[in-house]
C-alpha atoms as a PDB file:
ATOM      1  CA  UNK A   1      57.512  44.221 -92.913  1.00  0.00           C
ATOM      2  CA  UNK A   2      54.145  45.100 -91.453  1.00  0.00           C
ATOM      3  CA  UNK A   3      51.836  47.647 -93.190  1.00  0.00           C
ATOM      4  CA  UNK A   4      50.265  50.198 -90.876  1.00  0.00           C
ATOM      5  CA  UNK A   5      47.256  51.029 -93.059  1.00  0.00           C
ATOM      6  CA  UNK A   6      45.746  48.927 -95.803  1.00  0.00           C
ATOM      7  CA  UNK A   7      45.652  50.823 -99.138  1.00  0.00           C
ATOM      8  CA  UNK A   8      41.858  50.949 -99.231  1.00  0.00           C
ATOM      9  CA  UNK A   9      41.762  52.626 -95.804  1.00  0.00           C
ATOM     10  CA  UNK A  10      44.311  55.218 -96.942  1.00  0.00           C
ATOM     11  CA  UNK A  11      42.272  55.910-100.088  1.00  0.00           C
ATOM     12  CA  UNK A  12      39.119  56.323 -97.971  1.00  0.00           C
ATOM     13  CA  UNK A  13      40.888  58.709 -95.555  1.00  0.00           C
ATOM     14  CA  UNK A  14      42.277  60.876 -98.364  1.00  0.00           C
ATOM     15  CA  UNK A  15      38.830  61.008 -99.999  1.00  0.00           C
ATOM     16  CA  UNK A  16      37.306  62.332 -96.776  1.00  0.00           C
ATOM     17  CA  UNK A  17      39.937  65.038 -96.546  1.00  0.00           C
ATOM     18  CA  UNK A  18      39.315  66.121-100.153  1.00  0.00           C
ATOM     19  CA  UNK A  19      35.523  66.368 -99.838  1.00  0.00           C
ATOM     20  CA  UNK A  20      35.351  69.844 -98.238  1.00  0.00           C
ATOM     21  CA  UNK A  21      37.572  71.290-100.965  1.00  0.00           C
ATOM     22  CA  UNK A  22      35.394  69.771-103.679  1.00  0.00           C
ATOM     23  CA  UNK A  23      32.193  71.004-102.053  1.00  0.00           C
ATOM     24  CA  UNK A  24      33.176  74.698-102.185  1.00  0.00           C
ATOM     25  CA  UNK A  25      31.111  76.680-104.637  1.00  0.00           C
ATOM     26  CA  UNK A  26      32.568  79.545-106.686  1.00  0.00           C
ATOM     27  CA  UNK A  27      32.048  83.077-105.361  1.00  0.00           C
ATOM     28  CA  UNK A  28      29.018  85.022-106.601  1.00  0.00           C
ATOM     29  CA  UNK A  29      29.701  86.983-109.821  1.00  0.00           C
ATOM     30  CA  UNK A  30      29.709  90.383-108.078  1.00  0.00           C
ATOM     31  CA  UNK A  31      32.371  89.302-105.559  1.00  0.00           C
ATOM     32  CA  UNK A  32      35.775  90.768-106.520  1.00  0.00           C
ATOM     33  CA  UNK A  33      38.463  88.251-107.283  1.00  0.00           C
ATOM     34  CA  UNK A  34      41.362  88.194-104.800  1.00  0.00           C
ATOM     35  CA  UNK A  35      43.598  89.794-107.440  1.00  0.00           C
ATOM     36  CA  UNK A  36      41.133  92.692-107.737  1.00  0.00           C
ATOM     37  CA  UNK A  37      41.033  93.582-104.047  1.00  0.00           C
ATOM     38  CA  UNK A  38      43.406  95.977-102.333  1.00  0.00           C
ATOM     39  CA  UNK A  39      44.146  97.938-105.512  1.00  0.00           C
ATOM     40  CA  UNK A  40      44.142 101.613-106.383  1.00  0.00           C
ATOM     41  CA  UNK A  41      41.864 103.104-109.012  1.00  0.00           C
ATOM     42  CA  UNK A  42      44.751 103.590-111.504  1.00  0.00           C
ATOM     43  CA  UNK A  43      45.795  99.947-110.955  1.00  0.00           C
ATOM     44  CA  UNK A  44      42.264  98.708-111.681  1.00  0.00           C
ATOM     45  CA  UNK A  45      42.044 100.845-114.815  1.00  0.00           C
ATOM     46  CA  UNK A  46      45.482  99.735-116.025  1.00  0.00           C
ATOM     47  CA  UNK A  47      44.603  96.075-115.387  1.00  0.00           C
ATOM     48  CA  UNK A  48      41.463  96.434-117.532  1.00  0.00           C
ATOM     49  CA  UNK A  49      43.596  98.015-120.274  1.00  0.00           C
ATOM     50  CA  UNK A  50      46.186  95.208-120.065  1.00  0.00           C
ATOM     51  CA  UNK A  51      43.407  92.597-120.360  1.00  0.00           C
ATOM     52  CA  UNK A  52      42.168  94.355-123.505  1.00  0.00           C
ATOM     53  CA  UNK A  53      38.809  95.296-121.978  1.00  0.00           C
ATOM     54  CA  UNK A  54      39.343  99.011-122.695  1.00  0.00           C
ATOM     55  CA  UNK A  55      41.625 100.972-125.009  1.00  0.00           C
ATOM     56  CA  UNK A  56      44.232 103.557-123.894  1.00  0.00           C
ATOM     57  CA  UNK A  57      42.072 106.615-124.520  1.00  0.00           C
ATOM     58  CA  UNK A  58      39.210 105.081-122.512  1.00  0.00           C
ATOM     59  CA  UNK A  59      41.659 104.235-119.733  1.00  0.00           C
ATOM     60  CA  UNK A  60      42.912 107.818-119.695  1.00  0.00           C
ATOM     61  CA  UNK A  61      39.364 109.188-119.702  1.00  0.00           C
ATOM     62  CA  UNK A  62      38.593 106.955-116.702  1.00  0.00           C
ATOM     63  CA  UNK A  63      41.730 108.268-114.961  1.00  0.00           C
ATOM     64  CA  UNK A  64      40.657 111.869-115.610  1.00  0.00           C
ATOM     65  CA  UNK A  65      37.182 111.044-114.343  1.00  0.00           C
ATOM     66  CA  UNK A  66      38.642 109.498-111.191  1.00  0.00           C
ATOM     67  CA  UNK A  67      40.501 112.739-110.443  1.00  0.00           C
ATOM     68  CA  UNK A  68      37.939 115.371-111.393  1.00  0.00           C
ATOM     69  CA  UNK A  69      34.506 113.727-111.503  1.00  0.00           C
ATOM     70  CA  UNK A  70      34.797 110.715-109.190  1.00  0.00           C
ATOM     71  CA  UNK A  71      31.037 110.415-108.669  1.00  0.00           C
ATOM     72  CA  UNK A  72      30.733 109.391-112.327  1.00  0.00           C
ATOM     73  CA  UNK A  73      33.500 106.770-112.245  1.00  0.00           C
ATOM     74  CA  UNK A  74      32.059 103.263-112.830  1.00  0.00           C
ATOM     75  CA  UNK A  75      32.102 101.158-109.657  1.00  0.00           C
ATOM     76  CA  UNK A  76      34.347  98.458-111.129  1.00  0.00           C
ATOM     77  CA  UNK A  77      37.168 101.013-111.386  1.00  0.00           C
ATOM     78  CA  UNK A  78      36.916 102.384-107.850  1.00  0.00           C
ATOM     79  CA  UNK A  79      39.926 101.179-105.936  1.00  0.00           C
ATOM     80  CA  UNK A  80      39.900 100.625-102.210  1.00  0.00           C
ATOM     81  CA  UNK A  81      43.417 101.936-101.568  1.00  0.00           C
ATOM     82  CA  UNK A  82      44.496 105.573-101.717  1.00  0.00           C
ATOM     83  CA  UNK A  83      46.648 106.732-104.586  1.00  0.00           C
ATOM     84  CA  UNK A  84      48.761 109.731-105.529  1.00  0.00           C
ATOM     85  CA  UNK A  85      47.044 111.756-108.241  1.00  0.00           C
ATOM     86  CA  UNK A  86      50.168 113.652-109.309  1.00  0.00           C
ATOM     87  CA  UNK A  87      51.599 110.936-111.620  1.00  0.00           C
ATOM     88  CA  UNK A  88      48.135 110.428-113.111  1.00  0.00           C
ATOM     89  CA  UNK A  89      47.768 114.162-113.756  1.00  0.00           C
ATOM     90  CA  UNK A  90      51.248 114.253-115.286  1.00  0.00           C
ATOM     91  CA  UNK A  91      50.241 111.408-117.625  1.00  0.00           C
ATOM     92  CA  UNK A  92      47.031 113.184-118.638  1.00  0.00           C
ATOM     93  CA  UNK A  93      48.709 116.540-119.357  1.00  0.00           C
ATOM     94  CA  UNK A  94      49.782 115.247-122.762  1.00  0.00           C
ATOM     95  CA  UNK A  95      46.188 115.825-123.907  1.00  0.00           C
ATOM     96  CA  UNK A  96      46.240 119.541-123.054  1.00  0.00           C
ATOM     97  CA  UNK A  97      47.819 120.757-126.261  1.00  0.00           C
ATOM     98  CA  UNK A  98      46.023 118.559-128.797  1.00  0.00           C
ATOM     99  CA  UNK A  99      44.248 120.949-131.202  1.00  0.00           C
ATOM    100  CA  UNK A 100      40.466 120.741-131.214  1.00  0.00           C
ATOM    101  CA  UNK A 101      40.450 119.711-134.862  1.00  0.00           C
ATOM    102  CA  UNK A 102      42.459 116.573-134.002  1.00  0.00           C
ATOM    103  CA  UNK A 103      40.695 115.787-130.731  1.00  0.00           C
ATOM    104  CA  UNK A 104      38.255 112.910-130.501  1.00  0.00           C
ATOM    105  CA  UNK A 105      35.216 113.087-128.252  1.00  0.00           C
ATOM    106  CA  UNK A 106      37.159 111.303-125.499  1.00  0.00           C
ATOM    107  CA  UNK A 107      40.116 113.695-125.800  1.00  0.00           C
ATOM    108  CA  UNK A 108      37.788 116.694-125.617  1.00  0.00           C
ATOM    109  CA  UNK A 109      36.257 115.229-122.434  1.00  0.00           C
ATOM    110  CA  UNK A 110      39.731 114.790-120.919  1.00  0.00           C
ATOM    111  CA  UNK A 111      40.652 118.349-121.921  1.00  0.00           C
ATOM    112  CA  UNK A 112      37.441 119.632-120.365  1.00  0.00           C
ATOM    113  CA  UNK A 113      38.182 117.854-117.087  1.00  0.00           C
ATOM    114  CA  UNK A 114      41.773 119.138-117.083  1.00  0.00           C
ATOM    115  CA  UNK A 115      40.621 122.707-117.784  1.00  0.00           C
ATOM    116  CA  UNK A 116      38.780 122.755-114.472  1.00  0.00           C
ATOM    117  CA  UNK A 117      42.079 122.499-112.566  1.00  0.00           C
ATOM    118  CA  UNK A 118      44.834 124.947-111.818  1.00  0.00           C
ATOM    119  CA  UNK A 119      47.485 122.423-112.854  1.00  0.00           C
ATOM    120  CA  UNK A 120      48.127 124.196-116.134  1.00  0.00           C
ATOM    121  CA  UNK A 121      47.674 127.762-114.965  1.00  0.00           C
ATOM    122  CA  UNK A 122      50.482 130.205-115.676  1.00  0.00           C
ATOM    123  CA  UNK A 123      48.666 133.410-114.732  1.00  0.00           C
ATOM    124  CA  UNK A 124      49.526 135.318-111.582  1.00  0.00           C
ATOM    125  CA  UNK A 125      46.888 135.288-108.907  1.00  0.00           C
ATOM    126  CA  UNK A 126      45.708 138.491-107.214  1.00  0.00           C
ATOM    127  CA  UNK A 127      46.893 137.781-103.668  1.00  0.00           C
ATOM    128  CA  UNK A 128      50.284 136.828-102.253  1.00  0.00           C
ATOM    129  CA  UNK A 129      51.262 135.613 -98.783  1.00  0.00           C
ATOM    130  CA  UNK A 130      54.383 134.032 -97.271  1.00  0.00           C
ATOM    131  CA  UNK A 131      55.089 131.924 -94.213  1.00  0.00           C
ATOM    132  CA  UNK A 132      58.353 130.591 -92.837  1.00  0.00           C
ATOM    133  CA  UNK A 133      58.698 127.921 -95.523  1.00  0.00           C
ATOM    134  CA  UNK A 134      56.043 128.725 -98.139  1.00  0.00           C
ATOM    135  CA  UNK A 135      55.084 131.373-100.658  1.00  0.00           C
ATOM    136  CA  UNK A 136      51.509 131.312-101.961  1.00  0.00           C
ATOM    137  CA  UNK A 137      49.677 133.149-104.694  1.00  0.00           C
ATOM    138  CA  UNK A 138      45.931 132.725-104.353  1.00  0.00           C
ATOM    139  CA  UNK A 139      42.534 133.833-105.513  1.00  0.00           C
ATOM    140  CA  UNK A 140      39.211 132.980-103.931  1.00  0.00           C
ATOM    141  CA  UNK A 141      39.344 130.291-101.263  1.00  0.00           C
ATOM    142  CA  UNK A 142      36.155 128.410-100.478  1.00  0.00           C
ATOM    143  CA  UNK A 143      35.014 125.602 -98.268  1.00  0.00           C
ATOM    144  CA  UNK A 144      35.186 127.606 -95.052  1.00  0.00           C
ATOM    145  CA  UNK A 145      38.988 127.835 -95.082  1.00  0.00           C
ATOM    146  CA  UNK A 146      41.164 130.905 -95.052  1.00  0.00           C
ATOM    147  CA  UNK A 147      44.615 131.303 -96.547  1.00  0.00           C
ATOM    148  CA  UNK A 148      45.980 131.346 -92.988  1.00  0.00           C
ATOM    149  CA  UNK A 149      44.343 127.948 -92.308  1.00  0.00           C
ATOM    150  CA  UNK A 150      45.984 126.622 -95.433  1.00  0.00           C
ATOM    151  CA  UNK A 151      49.444 128.017 -94.573  1.00  0.00           C
ATOM    152  CA  UNK A 152      49.123 126.784 -90.996  1.00  0.00           C
ATOM    153  CA  UNK A 153      48.497 123.255 -92.285  1.00  0.00           C
ATOM    154  CA  UNK A 154      51.447 123.497 -94.663  1.00  0.00           C
ATOM    155  CA  UNK A 155      53.738 124.633 -91.823  1.00  0.00           C
ATOM    156  CA  UNK A 156      52.432 121.853 -89.542  1.00  0.00           C
ATOM    157  CA  UNK A 157      53.204 119.325 -92.253  1.00  0.00           C
ATOM    158  CA  UNK A 158      56.685 120.797 -92.744  1.00  0.00           C
ATOM    159  CA  UNK A 159      57.409 120.654 -89.019  1.00  0.00           C
ATOM    160  CA  UNK A 160      56.184 117.050 -88.778  1.00  0.00           C
ATOM    161  CA  UNK A 161      57.972 115.691 -91.837  1.00  0.00           C
ATOM    162  CA  UNK A 162      61.154 117.774 -91.986  1.00  0.00           C
ATOM    163  CA  UNK A 163      61.756 118.754 -88.366  1.00  0.00           C
ATOM    164  CA  UNK A 164      60.361 115.782 -86.408  1.00  0.00           C
ATOM    165  CA  UNK A 165      60.853 112.912 -88.894  1.00  0.00           C
ATOM    166  CA  UNK A 166      64.079 114.310 -90.339  1.00  0.00           C
ATOM    167  CA  UNK A 167      62.942 113.892 -93.937  1.00  0.00           C
ATOM    168  CA  UNK A 168      64.658 115.926 -96.634  1.00  0.00           C
ATOM    169  CA  UNK A 169      63.176 119.364 -97.184  1.00  0.00           C
ATOM    170  CA  UNK A 170      61.530 119.798-100.591  1.00  0.00           C
ATOM    171  CA  UNK A 171      63.213 122.166-103.028  1.00  0.00           C
END
């Protein structure tokens, strides 16, 4: 039986193929690892918690900061994919009712950030308006929008999602 390649030639050929892989240098320290790219802010924060880099209260404070004071969120926790803030807000609401005497500095910061939202409001607002599918109570509206702009966008969304796409109507 005739050999096609002597063993030394095969060894030499495999060594040449392996050289480029051995010559690669590691990425610079500020380059995100592949596992850290394409993640949401809550995913990055939760990953840091799971690795033991931060504790739960710090993770929750970072989540609150990401929702209500994003400019002050450390860069390493800024995800590059959009996320839904509603589950995060729901998770943070457990801090609302902690009495001040029991609250740590971090909990008081979370409570302060939550207080700036209407998510826990139970008071009636001074103005009321209805559209075909929506009822809104509202106070002052800023940012150059009117309540009619807002309702128009809600109705457009309803017509796109429920009428055109055939999605289930919300309750």
